[in-house]
Amino acid sequence: MTQLKLYFIFILFTVLSSRAQKNVGTLIINIHPVFDGKELVLSENAYVNANGDSIYIDTFKFYFSNLCLSGTKPFCEKESYHLIDAENISTLSFTLKDIPIANYSELSFEIGVDSLKNTKGVLTGDLDPIKGMYWAWNTGYIAAKLEGHSKVCKTLHNAFEFHIGGYLQPYRSLRKNKISVGNLQISSTAVNTLELYADAAEWFKTPEKIDVSKINSIVLPNKQSVMMADNYKDMIKFKK
């Protein structure tokens, strides 16, 4: 092959790559931790849960996984596992890349880590056990973690702790959900952003109202962990 042919192939590849790049965009997702719609301030501000208990939240962490956008050109993020930590501001914003230029109306996602990743062994990035969200090979990842304290808790330091996990039935913690995101337009030129709430108040609401004086420690896969996962399933909300 002559140098001239190689040159034209290089030019064609560059043009095609440029066009391909113009047909995709990025989306910055910002997560806002709240409690019943109010800004969540860890350890300092008191909040009233659905049972009427005054509580403080000390830790709020969860896996936000397998994100997909529904629209004229459906998109799913590859290796989509994001550890959201209300204490670590750097985890509250991340970027989805190579999204086709289109309009999107719905975001589907999972809270937790799917069984495939749970059985892969030691992983890296947000799934690294050093993040403090991994139990053991037979119980897997903690899907979501909420810790705090309240005077109604007759425990050491008045603490409550909910570490919800388990990837095997009947105590599987993974929860799937989807929310409307209005008319989300992805452009290759504009800065595209999506603002979401993560509402810790949902842990204490429907379908089961939580009285932290009675239920204040869930740290293994069991019937209570399944109940709590059902409670927080709808904690991600679209911020209009």
Protein backbone atom coordinates (compact mmCIF):
# COMPACT_ATOMS: atom_id res chain seq x y z
CA MET A 1 0.00 0.00 0.00
CA THR A 2 1.40 3.36 -1.06
CA GLN A 3 1.92 6.26 1.29
CA LEU A 4 -0.75 8.21 -0.63
CA LYS A 5 -3.36 5.51 0.00
CA LEU A 6 -2.39 5.40 3.64
CA TYR A 7 -2.76 9.17 3.83
CA PHE A 8 -6.28 9.08 2.33
CA ILE A 9 -7.29 6.28 4.69
CA PHE A 10 -6.02 8.35 7.61
CA ILE A 11 -8.01 11.40 6.41
CA LEU A 12 -11.17 9.31 5.97
CA PHE A 13 -10.78 7.81 9.43
CA THR A 14 -10.30 11.27 10.94
CA VAL A 15 -13.41 12.64 9.21
CA LEU A 16 -15.55 9.68 10.26
CA SER A 17 -14.28 9.90 13.83
CA SER A 18 -15.04 13.60 13.89
CA ARG A 19 -18.58 13.01 12.66
CA ALA A 20 -19.09 10.22 15.15
CA GLN A 21 -17.93 12.46 17.97
CA LYS A 22 -20.40 15.15 16.92
CA ASN A 23 -23.26 12.65 17.16
CA VAL A 24 -22.70 12.03 20.87
CA GLY A 25 -22.68 14.15 23.99
CA THR A 26 -22.06 13.89 27.71
CA LEU A 27 -24.35 14.25 30.71
CA ILE A 28 -23.30 15.49 34.13
CA ILE A 29 -25.45 13.96 36.88
CA ASN A 30 -25.53 15.85 40.17
CA ILE A 31 -26.88 14.13 43.29
CA HIS A 32 -28.31 16.29 46.09
CA PRO A 33 -28.65 14.44 49.44
CA VAL A 34 -31.78 15.62 51.25
CA PHE A 35 -34.13 14.61 54.02
CA ASP A 36 -37.78 15.07 53.12
CA GLY A 37 -36.71 17.61 50.51
CA LYS A 38 -34.47 19.61 52.83
CA GLU A 39 -30.69 19.74 52.44
CA LEU A 40 -29.07 16.91 54.38
CA VAL A 41 -26.42 18.07 56.83
CA LEU A 42 -24.72 15.09 58.40
CA SER A 43 -24.56 14.81 62.21
CA GLU A 44 -25.54 18.43 62.85
CA ASN A 45 -29.17 18.97 61.84
CA ALA A 46 -32.09 17.13 63.41
CA TYR A 47 -34.81 15.77 61.11
CA VAL A 48 -38.22 14.30 61.88
CA ASN A 49 -38.98 10.98 60.24
CA ALA A 50 -42.37 9.58 59.22
CA ASN A 51 -42.86 8.07 62.69
CA GLY A 52 -42.35 11.47 64.32
CA ASP A 53 -38.92 10.63 65.73
CA SER A 54 -36.24 13.33 65.88
CA ILE A 55 -33.12 11.85 64.30
CA TYR A 56 -29.66 12.81 63.10
CA ILE A 57 -28.08 11.23 60.03
CA ASP A 58 -24.35 10.49 60.30
CA THR A 59 -23.74 8.31 57.22
CA PHE A 60 -25.65 8.03 53.93
CA LYS A 61 -24.11 5.89 51.18
CA PHE A 62 -25.48 3.76 48.36
CA TYR A 63 -24.65 2.24 44.99
CA PHE A 64 -26.34 3.95 42.03
CA SER A 65 -25.94 1.43 39.24
CA ASN A 66 -26.79 0.33 35.70
CA LEU A 67 -28.04 3.70 34.49
CA CYS A 68 -30.05 3.77 31.26
CA LEU A 69 -31.77 6.63 29.43
CA SER A 70 -34.98 6.01 27.47
CA GLY A 71 -35.75 8.19 24.47
CA THR A 72 -35.46 8.36 20.72
CA LYS A 73 -32.00 6.72 20.94
CA PRO A 74 -31.82 4.55 24.09
CA PHE A 75 -28.53 4.60 25.99
CA CYS A 76 -27.05 2.52 28.81
CA GLU A 77 -23.79 3.30 30.58
CA LYS A 78 -21.19 0.54 30.49
CA GLU A 79 -19.70 -0.61 33.81
CA SER A 80 -22.25 1.57 35.54
CA TYR A 81 -21.50 1.47 39.27
CA HIS A 82 -21.36 4.72 41.24
CA LEU A 83 -20.88 4.85 45.00
CA ILE A 84 -22.74 7.90 46.27
CA ASP A 85 -21.52 9.15 49.66
CA ALA A 86 -23.16 12.20 51.24
CA GLU A 87 -19.95 12.84 53.20
CA ASN A 88 -17.75 12.92 50.09
CA ILE A 89 -18.71 15.75 47.75
CA SER A 90 -16.61 14.31 44.91
CA THR A 91 -19.00 11.34 44.66
CA LEU A 92 -22.07 13.53 44.22
CA SER A 93 -21.32 14.39 40.61
CA PHE A 94 -20.28 12.15 37.72
CA THR A 95 -20.43 12.16 33.93
CA LEU A 96 -22.07 9.80 31.47
CA LYS A 97 -20.17 9.78 28.16
CA ASP A 98 -20.90 8.96 24.51
CA ILE A 99 -24.65 9.49 24.75
CA PRO A 100 -26.34 9.69 21.33
CA ILE A 101 -27.68 13.14 20.46
CA ALA A 102 -31.39 12.80 21.19
CA ASN A 103 -34.22 13.65 23.56
CA TYR A 104 -34.69 11.48 26.65
CA SER A 105 -37.65 11.24 29.02
CA GLU A 106 -36.80 8.53 31.55
CA LEU A 107 -33.88 7.31 33.65
CA SER A 108 -33.83 3.71 34.84
CA PHE A 109 -31.34 2.51 37.42
CA GLU A 110 -30.62 0.11 40.24
CA ILE A 111 -29.81 0.77 43.87
CA GLY A 112 -27.21 -1.78 44.85
CA VAL A 113 -24.87 -4.13 43.01
CA ASP A 114 -26.14 -6.88 40.72
CA SER A 115 -25.41 -10.54 41.41
CA LEU A 116 -22.92 -10.79 38.52
CA LYS A 117 -20.59 -8.23 40.11
CA ASN A 118 -21.17 -9.68 43.56
CA THR A 119 -19.67 -12.97 42.42
CA LYS A 120 -16.70 -11.50 40.52
CA GLY A 121 -14.42 -11.38 43.56
CA VAL A 122 -12.23 -8.42 44.48
CA LEU A 123 -12.93 -5.43 42.23
CA THR A 124 -11.58 -1.91 41.82
CA GLY A 125 -12.87 1.66 41.54
CA ASP A 126 -16.12 2.35 43.37
CA LEU A 127 -16.47 -1.40 43.92
CA ASP A 128 -13.16 -1.67 45.76
CA PRO A 129 -13.75 -3.22 49.23
CA ILE A 130 -11.61 -0.42 50.67
CA LYS A 131 -14.69 1.81 50.21
CA GLY A 132 -16.26 0.06 53.20
CA MET A 133 -19.25 -1.34 51.28
CA TYR A 134 -18.27 -5.00 51.01
CA TRP A 135 -19.06 -7.76 53.49
CA ALA A 136 -17.77 -11.13 52.26
CA TRP A 137 -18.01 -13.52 49.29
CA ASN A 138 -21.22 -15.13 50.55
CA THR A 139 -23.04 -11.89 51.39
CA GLY A 140 -21.43 -9.56 48.85
CA TYR A 141 -21.80 -5.80 48.72
CA ILE A 142 -23.73 -3.49 50.99
CA ALA A 143 -26.24 -1.92 48.61
CA ALA A 144 -26.97 1.06 50.84
CA LYS A 145 -25.94 2.28 54.26
CA LEU A 146 -27.67 4.70 56.63
CA GLU A 147 -26.38 5.45 60.11
CA GLY A 148 -27.41 8.01 62.68
CA HIS A 149 -28.56 8.60 66.22
CA SER A 150 -31.71 9.52 68.08
CA LYS A 151 -32.69 9.92 71.71
CA VAL A 152 -35.47 7.37 71.23
CA CYS A 153 -32.88 4.65 70.50
CA LYS A 154 -32.01 2.79 73.69
CA THR A 155 -28.68 1.71 72.25
CA LEU A 156 -25.04 2.60 72.82
CA HIS A 157 -24.65 6.29 71.91
CA ASN A 158 -28.36 6.24 70.90
CA ALA A 159 -27.18 4.94 67.52
CA PHE A 160 -29.08 3.25 64.71
CA GLU A 161 -27.43 1.53 61.78
CA PHE A 162 -28.92 0.11 58.60
CA HIS A 163 -26.48 -1.79 56.34
CA ILE A 164 -28.64 -3.26 53.61
CA GLY A 165 -27.23 -5.96 51.37
CA GLY A 166 -27.52 -9.53 50.13
CA TYR A 167 -27.63 -10.71 46.52
CA LEU A 168 -29.27 -14.13 46.93
CA GLN A 169 -32.95 -14.91 47.34
CA PRO A 170 -34.95 -14.67 49.50
CA TYR A 171 -32.95 -11.72 50.87
CA ARG A 172 -31.91 -9.99 47.65
CA SER A 173 -31.38 -6.25 48.22
CA LEU A 174 -31.00 -4.98 44.63
CA ARG A 175 -33.84 -2.63 43.73
CA LYS A 176 -34.70 -1.41 40.24
CA ASN A 177 -36.55 1.80 39.56
CA LYS A 178 -37.16 4.42 36.89
CA ILE A 179 -38.06 8.09 37.04
CA SER A 180 -39.24 10.70 34.57
CA VAL A 181 -36.60 13.32 33.73
CA GLY A 182 -38.85 15.62 31.73
CA ASN A 183 -37.59 16.45 28.26
CA LEU A 184 -33.85 15.89 28.60
CA GLN A 185 -32.05 17.05 25.47
CA ILE A 186 -28.52 15.80 24.86
CA SER A 187 -26.39 18.06 22.67
CA SER A 188 -22.79 17.73 21.51
CA THR A 189 -22.15 21.44 22.11
CA ALA A 190 -24.04 22.35 25.29
CA VAL A 191 -23.25 21.34 28.88
CA ASN A 192 -25.97 18.80 29.65
CA THR A 193 -26.85 18.33 33.33
CA LEU A 194 -29.36 16.28 35.29
CA GLU A 195 -30.16 17.23 38.88
CA LEU A 196 -31.39 14.47 41.19
CA TYR A 197 -32.39 14.23 44.85
CA ALA A 198 -31.37 11.33 47.09
CA ASP A 199 -33.94 11.53 49.90
CA ALA A 200 -32.92 9.70 53.09
CA ALA A 201 -36.40 10.24 54.54
CA GLU A 202 -37.69 7.47 52.27
CA TRP A 203 -35.88 4.88 54.40
CA PHE A 204 -38.45 5.49 57.15
CA LYS A 205 -41.64 5.68 55.05
CA THR A 206 -43.73 3.39 52.89
CA PRO A 207 -44.38 0.62 52.54
CA GLU A 208 -43.24 0.16 56.18
CA LYS A 209 -43.09 3.02 58.67
CA ILE A 210 -39.94 2.69 60.78
CA ASP A 211 -39.89 3.32 64.53
CA VAL A 212 -36.19 3.58 65.37
CA SER A 213 -36.88 2.81 69.02
CA LYS A 214 -37.85 -0.69 67.86
CA ILE A 215 -35.94 -1.17 64.61
CA ASN A 216 -32.47 0.34 64.90
CA SER A 217 -29.98 -2.29 63.71
CA ILE A 218 -30.06 -4.16 60.40
CA VAL A 219 -26.60 -5.39 59.46
CA LEU A 220 -27.23 -8.74 57.75
CA PRO A 221 -29.44 -9.97 54.90
CA ASN A 222 -32.80 -10.90 56.43
CA LYS A 223 -36.51 -10.08 56.29
CA GLN A 224 -35.90 -6.63 57.76
CA SER A 225 -33.24 -5.80 55.17
CA VAL A 226 -35.69 -6.72 52.39
CA MET A 227 -38.29 -4.47 53.99
CA MET A 228 -35.84 -1.56 54.21
CA ALA A 229 -34.74 -2.00 50.59
CA ASP A 230 -38.40 -1.75 49.57
CA ASN A 231 -38.65 1.47 51.59
CA TYR A 232 -35.71 3.29 50.00
CA LYS A 233 -36.37 2.00 46.47
CA ASP A 234 -37.97 5.34 45.54
CA MET A 235 -35.45 7.65 47.24
CA ILE A 236 -34.03 8.94 43.91
CA LYS A 237 -36.13 11.77 42.56
CA PHE A 238 -35.90 14.16 39.64
CA LYS A 239 -35.14 17.73 40.71
CA LYS A 240 -37.28 19.87 38.41
